[in-house]
Amino acid sequence: VSTQSTGLNATSFNFAFRLFFPPEIMPPSLFKDLGKSSKDLLNKDYPQNLEVSLETKLAGDIAGTQKTKLTRNGDGALSASINPKVKLPSSGVELAATLYTSKKLELEVTKADLGVAGLKTTLKVAAKSFESLGAQKDAQTVSAEVEYLHERMTAALAVDLLAAKPQVALGITGAYENFTAGVEAKYSLGAATDLAALAAALHYNGPNYQATLTRTAADGARSNVAWNARLYQKIDDALAIGAELACACADGDKACAPTVAIGGQYKGARSDLKAKASTNGRIGLAYTQDLNYFSKVTLGLDISAANAQEHKIGAAFKFNA
């Protein structure tokens, strides 16, 4: 009896220890990243314009990169941007800036592990024109973001600092075994605090597939509700498929129909092929080919089954030096 009691106590102790002090595992995803694999498969790397980008590593003791991008839209308009990023190893601070030919300026300062492991803070400044930076309050936005990653939960807080009616967004996710649940609320501050939007999500991460269900209310907690279900499956190292079911109806709209999109990706040794189709009548194709060790090209084709004049062709050339 004593031996059985000792074994039972040891088992209980091991269970409790693993429950409160589990082995080191990856933290769950932030709320904004739930279902990201399916979203990227269906939406990322389908160029519809002509893009040329060059990314170079900065020389010297400071680690960093500089990305220059030139874009020609379907209407023939040209635009360009330059995006240097610098990381200061001694302090862990990352600095980034993006300047567009339209004079728009974006600045970002990030500090990882600020006082606590897993805590990252980011300060973002955006101005419609760098000429008005600091001169006109309404011509710029300043926001602060804080993200915390833990083995069992994540939290993200974003605050708009200069808006006439500032908005605060708080997102929290928690994980148990293969399940992750999360909620994100946005509040408008002022004389009276209002709930601007509310979203909730449930995510399951299996051995080779992921499923995500999201409910989003764009106005308060119950108005303009949208449902979204995403599925992603990695069949093997080369082949993956994704699907999305979305239903967004305005209040009082009883005739809205859900939209279904499916897609797949095949990864070869030096080339990738992606394809997608949606019930909205659009078909997308993308082919990526490595040209050599420092360059690759992605060709995109967007087909409209309803209107031949809405077909789009794009190409993206990427160079690394």
C-alpha atoms as a PDB file:
ATOM      1  CA  VAL A   1       0.000   0.000   0.000  1.00  0.00           C
ATOM      2  CA  SER A   2       2.870   2.323   0.881  1.00  0.00           C
ATOM      3  CA  THR A   3       4.507   1.620  -2.476  1.00  0.00           C
ATOM      4  CA  GLN A   4       1.247   2.298  -4.350  1.00  0.00           C
ATOM      5  CA  SER A   5       0.713   5.493  -2.365  1.00  0.00           C
ATOM      6  CA  THR A   6       4.258   6.657  -3.110  1.00  0.00           C
ATOM      7  CA  GLY A   7       3.822   5.952  -6.829  1.00  0.00           C
ATOM      8  CA  LEU A   8       0.486   7.790  -6.868  1.00  0.00           C
ATOM      9  CA  ASN A   9       1.989  10.799  -5.111  1.00  0.00           C
ATOM     10  CA  ALA A  10       4.909  10.857  -7.546  1.00  0.00           C
ATOM     11  CA  THR A  11       2.515  10.716 -10.513  1.00  0.00           C
ATOM     12  CA  SER A  12       0.432  13.528  -9.068  1.00  0.00           C
ATOM     13  CA  PHE A  13       3.536  15.598  -8.425  1.00  0.00           C
ATOM     14  CA  ASN A  14       4.808  15.065 -11.990  1.00  0.00           C
ATOM     15  CA  PHE A  15       1.404  16.032 -13.431  1.00  0.00           C
ATOM     16  CA  ALA A  16       1.217  19.184 -11.322  1.00  0.00           C
ATOM     17  CA  PHE A  17       4.817  20.113 -12.119  1.00  0.00           C
ATOM     18  CA  ARG A  18       4.260  19.741 -15.880  1.00  0.00           C
ATOM     19  CA  LEU A  19       1.002  21.680 -15.629  1.00  0.00           C
ATOM     20  CA  PHE A  20       2.512  24.720 -13.921  1.00  0.00           C
ATOM     21  CA  PHE A  21       6.095  24.356 -15.203  1.00  0.00           C
ATOM     22  CA  PRO A  22       5.780  22.802 -18.667  1.00  0.00           C
ATOM     23  CA  PRO A  23       8.807  22.209 -20.894  1.00  0.00           C
ATOM     24  CA  GLU A  24       9.859  25.164 -22.995  1.00  0.00           C
ATOM     25  CA  ILE A  25       7.524  25.536 -25.958  1.00  0.00           C
ATOM     26  CA  MET A  26       6.873  28.117 -28.617  1.00  0.00           C
ATOM     27  CA  PRO A  27       4.403  30.828 -27.555  1.00  0.00           C
ATOM     28  CA  PRO A  28       1.023  30.964 -29.292  1.00  0.00           C
ATOM     29  CA  SER A  29       0.417  33.384 -32.139  1.00  0.00           C
ATOM     30  CA  LEU A  30      -0.620  36.960 -31.607  1.00  0.00           C
ATOM     31  CA  PHE A  31      -4.286  37.594 -32.383  1.00  0.00           C
ATOM     32  CA  LYS A  32      -3.427  39.318 -35.677  1.00  0.00           C
ATOM     33  CA  ASP A  33      -1.438  36.232 -36.794  1.00  0.00           C
ATOM     34  CA  LEU A  34      -4.117  33.583 -36.183  1.00  0.00           C
ATOM     35  CA  GLY A  35      -4.808  31.903 -39.534  1.00  0.00           C
ATOM     36  CA  LYS A  36      -1.773  33.595 -41.104  1.00  0.00           C
ATOM     37  CA  SER A  37      -0.641  30.502 -43.054  1.00  0.00           C
ATOM     38  CA  SER A  38      -3.915  30.340 -44.990  1.00  0.00           C
ATOM     39  CA  LYS A  39      -4.039  34.121 -45.513  1.00  0.00           C
ATOM     40  CA  ASP A  40      -0.496  34.187 -46.899  1.00  0.00           C
ATOM     41  CA  LEU A  41      -1.138  31.257 -49.230  1.00  0.00           C
ATOM     42  CA  LEU A  42      -4.255  32.912 -50.701  1.00  0.00           C
ATOM     43  CA  ASN A  43      -3.120  36.540 -50.768  1.00  0.00           C
ATOM     44  CA  LYS A  44       0.660  36.882 -50.679  1.00  0.00           C
ATOM     45  CA  ASP A  45       2.989  36.922 -53.702  1.00  0.00           C
ATOM     46  CA  TYR A  46       0.344  37.450 -56.383  1.00  0.00           C
ATOM     47  CA  PRO A  47       1.769  40.554 -58.106  1.00  0.00           C
ATOM     48  CA  GLN A  48      -0.637  42.693 -60.141  1.00  0.00           C
ATOM     49  CA  ASN A  49       1.796  45.507 -60.957  1.00  0.00           C
ATOM     50  CA  LEU A  50       5.372  45.755 -62.195  1.00  0.00           C
ATOM     51  CA  GLU A  51       7.687  45.821 -59.171  1.00  0.00           C
ATOM     52  CA  VAL A  52      11.473  45.931 -58.927  1.00  0.00           C
ATOM     53  CA  SER A  53      13.119  45.785 -55.507  1.00  0.00           C
ATOM     54  CA  LEU A  54      16.745  45.755 -54.399  1.00  0.00           C
ATOM     55  CA  GLU A  55      17.785  44.815 -50.872  1.00  0.00           C
ATOM     56  CA  THR A  56      21.356  45.400 -49.739  1.00  0.00           C
ATOM     57  CA  LYS A  57      23.158  44.844 -46.457  1.00  0.00           C
ATOM     58  CA  LEU A  58      24.618  47.910 -44.820  1.00  0.00           C
ATOM     59  CA  ALA A  59      28.395  47.880 -44.506  1.00  0.00           C
ATOM     60  CA  GLY A  60      30.155  48.530 -41.223  1.00  0.00           C
ATOM     61  CA  ASP A  61      29.759  47.435 -37.626  1.00  0.00           C
ATOM     62  CA  ILE A  62      26.007  48.200 -37.485  1.00  0.00           C
ATOM     63  CA  ALA A  63      23.786  45.401 -38.733  1.00  0.00           C
ATOM     64  CA  GLY A  64      21.083  46.516 -41.122  1.00  0.00           C
ATOM     65  CA  THR A  65      19.556  46.432 -44.575  1.00  0.00           C
ATOM     66  CA  GLN A  66      18.275  48.900 -47.119  1.00  0.00           C
ATOM     67  CA  LYS A  67      15.435  48.077 -49.489  1.00  0.00           C
ATOM     68  CA  THR A  68      14.635  50.162 -52.549  1.00  0.00           C
ATOM     69  CA  LYS A  69      11.416  49.483 -54.455  1.00  0.00           C
ATOM     70  CA  LEU A  70      10.091  50.806 -57.759  1.00  0.00           C
ATOM     71  CA  THR A  71       6.455  50.163 -58.760  1.00  0.00           C
ATOM     72  CA  ARG A  72       4.542  50.811 -61.978  1.00  0.00           C
ATOM     73  CA  ASN A  73       0.776  50.536 -61.473  1.00  0.00           C
ATOM     74  CA  GLY A  74      -1.733  49.363 -64.021  1.00  0.00           C
ATOM     75  CA  ASP A  75      -2.591  52.964 -64.966  1.00  0.00           C
ATOM     76  CA  GLY A  76       1.077  53.661 -65.739  1.00  0.00           C
ATOM     77  CA  ALA A  77       1.822  55.704 -62.615  1.00  0.00           C
ATOM     78  CA  LEU A  78       5.295  55.252 -61.153  1.00  0.00           C
ATOM     79  CA  SER A  79       6.149  55.281 -57.472  1.00  0.00           C
ATOM     80  CA  ALA A  80       9.198  54.383 -55.425  1.00  0.00           C
ATOM     81  CA  SER A  81      10.223  53.925 -51.811  1.00  0.00           C
ATOM     82  CA  ILE A  82      13.393  53.489 -49.807  1.00  0.00           C
ATOM     83  CA  ASN A  83      13.393  51.516 -46.560  1.00  0.00           C
ATOM     84  CA  PRO A  84      16.579  51.406 -44.433  1.00  0.00           C
ATOM     85  CA  LYS A  85      16.597  49.251 -41.279  1.00  0.00           C
ATOM     86  CA  VAL A  86      19.309  49.401 -38.616  1.00  0.00           C
ATOM     87  CA  LYS A  87      19.806  47.244 -35.520  1.00  0.00           C
ATOM     88  CA  LEU A  88      21.984  48.366 -32.635  1.00  0.00           C
ATOM     89  CA  PRO A  89      23.340  45.145 -31.064  1.00  0.00           C
ATOM     90  CA  SER A  90      24.458  46.787 -27.837  1.00  0.00           C
ATOM     91  CA  SER A  91      20.986  48.076 -26.928  1.00  0.00           C
ATOM     92  CA  GLY A  92      18.745  45.760 -28.953  1.00  0.00           C
ATOM     93  CA  VAL A  93      17.037  48.759 -30.564  1.00  0.00           C
ATOM     94  CA  GLU A  94      15.877  48.531 -34.191  1.00  0.00           C
ATOM     95  CA  LEU A  95      15.331  51.653 -36.294  1.00  0.00           C
ATOM     96  CA  ALA A  96      13.399  51.672 -39.566  1.00  0.00           C
ATOM     97  CA  ALA A  97      12.267  54.390 -41.936  1.00  0.00           C
ATOM     98  CA  THR A  98      10.316  54.331 -45.189  1.00  0.00           C
ATOM     99  CA  LEU A  99      10.255  57.320 -47.524  1.00  0.00           C
ATOM    100  CA  TYR A 100       7.983  57.375 -50.586  1.00  0.00           C
ATOM    101  CA  THR A 101       8.144  59.515 -53.715  1.00  0.00           C
ATOM    102  CA  SER A 102       4.747  60.903 -52.651  1.00  0.00           C
ATOM    103  CA  LYS A 103       6.659  62.450 -49.695  1.00  0.00           C
ATOM    104  CA  LYS A 104       4.947  60.113 -47.242  1.00  0.00           C
ATOM    105  CA  LEU A 105       7.230  59.183 -44.344  1.00  0.00           C
ATOM    106  CA  GLU A 106       7.039  56.290 -41.886  1.00  0.00           C
ATOM    107  CA  LEU A 107       9.349  55.931 -38.865  1.00  0.00           C
ATOM    108  CA  GLU A 108       9.560  52.989 -36.486  1.00  0.00           C
ATOM    109  CA  VAL A 109      11.607  52.351 -33.337  1.00  0.00           C
ATOM    110  CA  THR A 110      11.490  48.872 -31.748  1.00  0.00           C
ATOM    111  CA  LYS A 111      13.012  47.597 -28.510  1.00  0.00           C
ATOM    112  CA  ALA A 112      12.870  43.866 -27.759  1.00  0.00           C
ATOM    113  CA  ASP A 113      12.982  42.290 -24.290  1.00  0.00           C
ATOM    114  CA  LEU A 114      12.427  45.652 -22.597  1.00  0.00           C
ATOM    115  CA  GLY A 115      12.918  44.768 -18.943  1.00  0.00           C
ATOM    116  CA  VAL A 116      11.100  41.435 -19.352  1.00  0.00           C
ATOM    117  CA  ALA A 117      11.903  38.565 -21.700  1.00  0.00           C
ATOM    118  CA  GLY A 118       9.328  38.398 -24.480  1.00  0.00           C
ATOM    119  CA  LEU A 119       8.255  42.053 -24.170  1.00  0.00           C
ATOM    120  CA  LYS A 120       8.590  44.196 -27.306  1.00  0.00           C
ATOM    121  CA  THR A 121       7.687  47.862 -27.620  1.00  0.00           C
ATOM    122  CA  THR A 122       7.319  49.791 -30.862  1.00  0.00           C
ATOM    123  CA  LEU A 123       6.825  53.495 -31.533  1.00  0.00           C
ATOM    124  CA  LYS A 124       5.449  54.370 -34.973  1.00  0.00           C
ATOM    125  CA  VAL A 125       5.260  57.782 -36.621  1.00  0.00           C
ATOM    126  CA  ALA A 126       3.606  58.350 -40.007  1.00  0.00           C
ATOM    127  CA  ALA A 127       3.248  61.617 -41.898  1.00  0.00           C
ATOM    128  CA  LYS A 128       1.508  62.284 -45.199  1.00  0.00           C
ATOM    129  CA  SER A 129       4.462  64.502 -46.092  1.00  0.00           C
ATOM    130  CA  PHE A 130       7.847  64.690 -44.400  1.00  0.00           C
ATOM    131  CA  GLU A 131       7.673  68.474 -44.895  1.00  0.00           C
ATOM    132  CA  SER A 132       4.794  68.685 -42.395  1.00  0.00           C
ATOM    133  CA  LEU A 133       6.417  66.427 -39.782  1.00  0.00           C
ATOM    134  CA  GLY A 134       6.176  68.182 -36.420  1.00  0.00           C
ATOM    135  CA  ALA A 135       4.497  71.253 -37.912  1.00  0.00           C
ATOM    136  CA  GLN A 136       0.886  70.130 -38.418  1.00  0.00           C
ATOM    137  CA  LYS A 137      -0.674  67.862 -35.799  1.00  0.00           C
ATOM    138  CA  ASP A 138      -3.434  66.550 -38.083  1.00  0.00           C
ATOM    139  CA  ALA A 139      -0.947  65.619 -40.833  1.00  0.00           C
ATOM    140  CA  GLN A 140       0.729  62.871 -38.823  1.00  0.00           C
ATOM    141  CA  THR A 141      -0.064  59.922 -36.602  1.00  0.00           C
ATOM    142  CA  VAL A 142       1.872  58.587 -33.636  1.00  0.00           C
ATOM    143  CA  SER A 143       1.127  55.206 -32.123  1.00  0.00           C
ATOM    144  CA  ALA A 144       2.720  53.022 -29.472  1.00  0.00           C
ATOM    145  CA  GLU A 145       2.527  49.226 -29.532  1.00  0.00           C
ATOM    146  CA  VAL A 146       3.454  46.721 -26.851  1.00  0.00           C
ATOM    147  CA  GLU A 147       3.615  42.952 -27.464  1.00  0.00           C
ATOM    148  CA  TYR A 148       4.266  40.265 -24.881  1.00  0.00           C
ATOM    149  CA  LEU A 149       4.911  36.611 -25.757  1.00  0.00           C
ATOM    150  CA  HIS A 150       4.727  33.834 -23.175  1.00  0.00           C
ATOM    151  CA  GLU A 151       4.651  30.063 -23.471  1.00  0.00           C
ATOM    152  CA  ARG A 152       0.912  29.964 -22.754  1.00  0.00           C
ATOM    153  CA  MET A 153      -0.376  33.400 -23.765  1.00  0.00           C
ATOM    154  CA  THR A 154       0.274  36.574 -25.721  1.00  0.00           C
ATOM    155  CA  ALA A 155      -0.913  40.143 -25.319  1.00  0.00           C
ATOM    156  CA  ALA A 156      -0.757  43.118 -27.653  1.00  0.00           C
ATOM    157  CA  LEU A 157      -1.667  46.719 -26.857  1.00  0.00           C
ATOM    158  CA  ALA A 158      -1.756  49.547 -29.402  1.00  0.00           C
ATOM    159  CA  VAL A 159      -2.529  53.181 -28.579  1.00  0.00           C
ATOM    160  CA  ASP A 160      -3.106  56.061 -31.011  1.00  0.00           C
ATOM    161  CA  LEU A 161      -1.506  59.028 -29.262  1.00  0.00           C
ATOM    162  CA  LEU A 162      -2.365  62.100 -31.362  1.00  0.00           C
ATOM    163  CA  ALA A 163      -5.853  61.440 -32.753  1.00  0.00           C
ATOM    164  CA  ALA A 164      -8.666  63.785 -31.761  1.00  0.00           C
ATOM    165  CA  LYS A 165     -10.459  60.713 -30.417  1.00  0.00           C
ATOM    166  CA  PRO A 166      -7.658  58.246 -29.607  1.00  0.00           C
ATOM    167  CA  GLN A 167      -8.243  54.542 -30.081  1.00  0.00           C
ATOM    168  CA  VAL A 168      -6.859  51.709 -27.984  1.00  0.00           C
ATOM    169  CA  ALA A 169      -6.672  48.117 -29.249  1.00  0.00           C
ATOM    170  CA  LEU A 170      -6.057  45.193 -26.914  1.00  0.00           C
ATOM    171  CA  GLY A 171      -5.595  41.632 -28.139  1.00  0.00           C
ATOM    172  CA  ILE A 172      -5.055  38.558 -25.967  1.00  0.00           C
ATOM    173  CA  THR A 173      -4.544  34.902 -26.900  1.00  0.00           C
ATOM    174  CA  GLY A 174      -4.161  31.831 -24.725  1.00  0.00           C
ATOM    175  CA  ALA A 175      -3.114  28.310 -25.664  1.00  0.00           C
ATOM    176  CA  TYR A 176      -3.910  24.879 -24.253  1.00  0.00           C
ATOM    177  CA  GLU A 177      -2.447  21.862 -26.032  1.00  0.00           C
ATOM    178  CA  ASN A 178      -3.281  22.351 -29.727  1.00  0.00           C
ATOM    179  CA  PHE A 179      -5.969  25.011 -29.216  1.00  0.00           C
ATOM    180  CA  THR A 180      -5.520  28.786 -29.133  1.00  0.00           C
ATOM    181  CA  ALA A 181      -8.357  31.160 -28.262  1.00  0.00           C
ATOM    182  CA  GLY A 182      -8.169  34.904 -28.558  1.00  0.00           C
ATOM    183  CA  VAL A 183     -10.106  38.137 -28.337  1.00  0.00           C
ATOM    184  CA  GLU A 184      -9.349  41.643 -29.600  1.00  0.00           C
ATOM    185  CA  ALA A 185     -11.221  44.780 -28.537  1.00  0.00           C
ATOM    186  CA  LYS A 186     -10.880  48.314 -29.850  1.00  0.00           C
ATOM    187  CA  TYR A 187     -12.008  51.255 -27.753  1.00  0.00           C
ATOM    188  CA  SER A 188     -12.470  54.875 -28.762  1.00  0.00           C
ATOM    189  CA  LEU A 189     -11.389  57.179 -25.959  1.00  0.00           C
ATOM    190  CA  GLY A 190     -12.699  60.628 -25.193  1.00  0.00           C
ATOM    191  CA  ALA A 191     -15.425  62.109 -23.042  1.00  0.00           C
ATOM    192  CA  ALA A 192     -17.087  58.694 -23.149  1.00  0.00           C
ATOM    193  CA  THR A 193     -15.325  55.425 -23.827  1.00  0.00           C
ATOM    194  CA  ASP A 194     -16.993  53.474 -26.636  1.00  0.00           C
ATOM    195  CA  LEU A 195     -16.416  49.914 -27.815  1.00  0.00           C
ATOM    196  CA  ALA A 196     -15.467  50.468 -31.459  1.00  0.00           C
ATOM    197  CA  ALA A 197     -14.959  46.846 -32.537  1.00  0.00           C
ATOM    198  CA  LEU A 198     -14.770  43.371 -31.052  1.00  0.00           C
ATOM    199  CA  ALA A 199     -13.306  40.180 -32.505  1.00  0.00           C
ATOM    200  CA  ALA A 200     -12.923  36.635 -31.200  1.00  0.00           C
ATOM    201  CA  ALA A 201     -11.106  33.654 -32.693  1.00  0.00           C
ATOM    202  CA  LEU A 202     -10.508  29.966 -32.085  1.00  0.00           C
ATOM    203  CA  HIS A 203      -7.482  28.300 -33.683  1.00  0.00           C
ATOM    204  CA  TYR A 204      -6.449  24.640 -33.858  1.00  0.00           C
ATOM    205  CA  ASN A 205      -2.902  23.668 -34.815  1.00  0.00           C
ATOM    206  CA  GLY A 206      -2.665  20.000 -35.813  1.00  0.00           C
ATOM    207  CA  PRO A 207       0.386  17.994 -36.865  1.00  0.00           C
ATOM    208  CA  ASN A 208       0.127  19.073 -40.504  1.00  0.00           C
ATOM    209  CA  TYR A 209      -2.941  21.303 -40.700  1.00  0.00           C
ATOM    210  CA  GLN A 210      -4.443  24.411 -39.109  1.00  0.00           C
ATOM    211  CA  ALA A 211      -8.034  25.602 -38.721  1.00  0.00           C
ATOM    212  CA  THR A 212      -9.173  29.062 -37.605  1.00  0.00           C
ATOM    213  CA  LEU A 213     -12.651  30.478 -36.944  1.00  0.00           C
ATOM    214  CA  THR A 214     -13.016  34.239 -36.450  1.00  0.00           C
ATOM    215  CA  ARG A 215     -15.983  36.452 -35.608  1.00  0.00           C
ATOM    216  CA  THR A 216     -15.556  40.196 -36.045  1.00  0.00           C
ATOM    217  CA  ALA A 217     -17.978  42.982 -35.180  1.00  0.00           C
ATOM    218  CA  ALA A 218     -16.884  46.160 -36.950  1.00  0.00           C
ATOM    219  CA  ASP A 219     -19.204  48.416 -34.933  1.00  0.00           C
ATOM    220  CA  GLY A 220     -19.466  47.657 -31.253  1.00  0.00           C
ATOM    221  CA  ALA A 221     -20.027  44.071 -30.200  1.00  0.00           C
ATOM    222  CA  ARG A 222     -23.000  43.052 -32.365  1.00  0.00           C
ATOM    223  CA  SER A 223     -23.195  45.335 -35.418  1.00  0.00           C
ATOM    224  CA  ASN A 224     -21.780  44.586 -38.874  1.00  0.00           C
ATOM    225  CA  VAL A 225     -20.683  41.088 -37.910  1.00  0.00           C
ATOM    226  CA  ALA A 226     -18.409  39.066 -40.206  1.00  0.00           C
ATOM    227  CA  TRP A 227     -17.528  35.372 -39.899  1.00  0.00           C
ATOM    228  CA  ASN A 228     -14.388  33.859 -41.357  1.00  0.00           C
ATOM    229  CA  ALA A 229     -13.206  30.238 -41.392  1.00  0.00           C
ATOM    230  CA  ARG A 230      -9.723  29.347 -42.654  1.00  0.00           C
ATOM    231  CA  LEU A 231      -8.093  25.984 -43.265  1.00  0.00           C
ATOM    232  CA  TYR A 232      -4.471  25.274 -44.096  1.00  0.00           C
ATOM    233  CA  GLN A 233      -2.908  21.863 -44.713  1.00  0.00           C
ATOM    234  CA  LYS A 234       0.713  21.023 -45.442  1.00  0.00           C
ATOM    235  CA  ILE A 235       0.539  17.755 -47.374  1.00  0.00           C
ATOM    236  CA  ASP A 236       4.317  17.369 -47.628  1.00  0.00           C
ATOM    237  CA  ASP A 237       7.433  19.533 -47.900  1.00  0.00           C
ATOM    238  CA  ALA A 238       6.473  20.601 -51.423  1.00  0.00           C
ATOM    239  CA  LEU A 239       2.665  20.817 -51.468  1.00  0.00           C
ATOM    240  CA  ALA A 240       0.253  22.860 -49.350  1.00  0.00           C
ATOM    241  CA  ILE A 241      -3.398  23.849 -49.748  1.00  0.00           C
ATOM    242  CA  GLY A 242      -5.588  26.490 -48.131  1.00  0.00           C
ATOM    243  CA  ALA A 243      -9.245  27.485 -48.055  1.00  0.00           C
ATOM    244  CA  GLU A 244     -11.278  30.372 -46.730  1.00  0.00           C
ATOM    245  CA  LEU A 245     -15.002  30.818 -46.113  1.00  0.00           C
ATOM    246  CA  ALA A 246     -16.075  34.403 -45.417  1.00  0.00           C
ATOM    247  CA  CYS A 247     -19.482  35.863 -44.735  1.00  0.00           C
ATOM    248  CA  ALA A 248     -19.858  39.571 -44.019  1.00  0.00           C
ATOM    249  CA  CYS A 249     -23.335  41.101 -43.923  1.00  0.00           C
ATOM    250  CA  ALA A 250     -24.278  44.644 -43.037  1.00  0.00           C
ATOM    251  CA  ASP A 251     -27.051  45.037 -40.497  1.00  0.00           C
ATOM    252  CA  GLY A 252     -30.396  44.372 -42.143  1.00  0.00           C
ATOM    253  CA  ASP A 253     -28.867  42.779 -45.248  1.00  0.00           C
ATOM    254  CA  LYS A 254     -30.494  39.374 -45.639  1.00  0.00           C
ATOM    255  CA  ALA A 255     -29.307  38.669 -49.193  1.00  0.00           C
ATOM    256  CA  CYS A 256     -25.575  38.484 -48.605  1.00  0.00           C
ATOM    257  CA  ALA A 257     -23.889  35.260 -49.660  1.00  0.00           C
ATOM    258  CA  PRO A 258     -20.690  33.711 -48.327  1.00  0.00           C
ATOM    259  CA  THR A 259     -17.490  33.854 -50.357  1.00  0.00           C
ATOM    260  CA  VAL A 260     -15.349  30.739 -50.738  1.00  0.00           C
ATOM    261  CA  ALA A 261     -11.716  30.769 -51.842  1.00  0.00           C
ATOM    262  CA  ILE A 262      -9.400  27.798 -52.301  1.00  0.00           C
ATOM    263  CA  GLY A 263      -5.753  27.668 -53.311  1.00  0.00           C
ATOM    264  CA  GLY A 264      -2.620  25.601 -53.426  1.00  0.00           C
ATOM    265  CA  GLN A 265       1.140  25.997 -53.536  1.00  0.00           C
ATOM    266  CA  TYR A 266       3.838  23.738 -54.911  1.00  0.00           C
ATOM    267  CA  LYS A 267       7.452  24.422 -53.930  1.00  0.00           C
ATOM    268  CA  GLY A 268      10.189  23.077 -56.152  1.00  0.00           C
ATOM    269  CA  ALA A 269      13.941  23.240 -55.739  1.00  0.00           C
ATOM    270  CA  ARG A 270      14.225  26.672 -57.393  1.00  0.00           C
ATOM    271  CA  SER A 271      10.650  27.553 -58.312  1.00  0.00           C
ATOM    272  CA  ASP A 272       7.214  27.917 -56.725  1.00  0.00           C
ATOM    273  CA  LEU A 273       3.752  27.684 -58.258  1.00  0.00           C
ATOM    274  CA  LYS A 274       0.633  29.096 -56.617  1.00  0.00           C
ATOM    275  CA  ALA A 275      -3.004  29.086 -57.754  1.00  0.00           C
ATOM    276  CA  LYS A 276      -6.284  30.201 -56.224  1.00  0.00           C
ATOM    277  CA  ALA A 277      -9.940  30.531 -57.189  1.00  0.00           C
ATOM    278  CA  SER A 278     -12.849  32.282 -55.528  1.00  0.00           C
ATOM    279  CA  THR A 279     -16.616  32.318 -55.876  1.00  0.00           C
ATOM    280  CA  ASN A 280     -16.361  36.070 -56.583  1.00  0.00           C
ATOM    281  CA  GLY A 281     -15.274  35.079 -60.087  1.00  0.00           C
ATOM    282  CA  ARG A 282     -11.548  35.687 -59.799  1.00  0.00           C
ATOM    283  CA  ILE A 283      -8.718  33.227 -60.490  1.00  0.00           C
ATOM    284  CA  GLY A 284      -5.129  33.915 -59.512  1.00  0.00           C
ATOM    285  CA  LEU A 285      -1.904  32.319 -60.718  1.00  0.00           C
ATOM    286  CA  ALA A 286       1.660  33.034 -59.638  1.00  0.00           C
ATOM    287  CA  TYR A 287       4.979  31.512 -60.658  1.00  0.00           C
ATOM    288  CA  THR A 288       8.261  32.273 -58.880  1.00  0.00           C
ATOM    289  CA  GLN A 289      11.634  31.343 -60.333  1.00  0.00           C
ATOM    290  CA  ASP A 290      15.110  31.791 -58.850  1.00  0.00           C
ATOM    291  CA  LEU A 291      17.258  33.306 -61.586  1.00  0.00           C
ATOM    292  CA  ASN A 292      20.527  32.959 -59.679  1.00  0.00           C
ATOM    293  CA  TYR A 293      21.825  33.204 -56.135  1.00  0.00           C
ATOM    294  CA  PHE A 294      20.925  36.895 -55.775  1.00  0.00           C
ATOM    295  CA  SER A 295      17.738  37.386 -57.844  1.00  0.00           C
ATOM    296  CA  LYS A 296      14.298  35.912 -58.507  1.00  0.00           C
ATOM    297  CA  VAL A 297      11.187  36.837 -60.455  1.00  0.00           C
ATOM    298  CA  THR A 298       7.499  36.291 -59.699  1.00  0.00           C
ATOM    299  CA  LEU A 299       4.929  36.418 -62.509  1.00  0.00           C
ATOM    300  CA  GLY A 300       1.284  36.971 -61.573  1.00  0.00           C
ATOM    301  CA  LEU A 301      -1.975  36.642 -63.473  1.00  0.00           C
ATOM    302  CA  ASP A 302      -5.363  37.679 -62.101  1.00  0.00           C
ATOM    303  CA  ILE A 303      -8.322  36.563 -64.221  1.00  0.00           C
ATOM    304  CA  SER A 304     -11.866  37.876 -63.910  1.00  0.00           C
ATOM    305  CA  ALA A 305     -14.519  35.409 -65.083  1.00  0.00           C
ATOM    306  CA  ALA A 306     -17.122  38.186 -65.183  1.00  0.00           C
ATOM    307  CA  ASN A 307     -15.288  40.905 -67.108  1.00  0.00           C
ATOM    308  CA  ALA A 308     -12.362  40.355 -69.460  1.00  0.00           C
ATOM    309  CA  GLN A 309     -11.350  44.009 -69.117  1.00  0.00           C
ATOM    310  CA  GLU A 310     -10.510  43.419 -65.446  1.00  0.00           C
ATOM    311  CA  HIS A 311      -7.735  40.897 -66.119  1.00  0.00           C
ATOM    312  CA  LYS A 312      -4.460  41.903 -64.478  1.00  0.00           C
ATOM    313  CA  ILE A 313      -0.867  40.898 -65.162  1.00  0.00           C
ATOM    314  CA  GLY A 314       2.038  41.592 -62.862  1.00  0.00           C
ATOM    315  CA  ALA A 315       5.700  40.840 -62.324  1.00  0.00           C
ATOM    316  CA  ALA A 316       7.970  41.300 -59.324  1.00  0.00           C
ATOM    317  CA  PHE A 317      11.764  41.263 -59.650  1.00  0.00           C
ATOM    318  CA  LYS A 318      13.767  40.943 -56.425  1.00  0.00           C
ATOM    319  CA  PHE A 319      17.510  41.410 -56.138  1.00  0.00           C
ATOM    320  CA  ASN A 320      19.753  40.889 -53.104  1.00  0.00           C
ATOM    321  CA  ALA A 321      23.252  42.260 -52.829  1.00  0.00           C
END
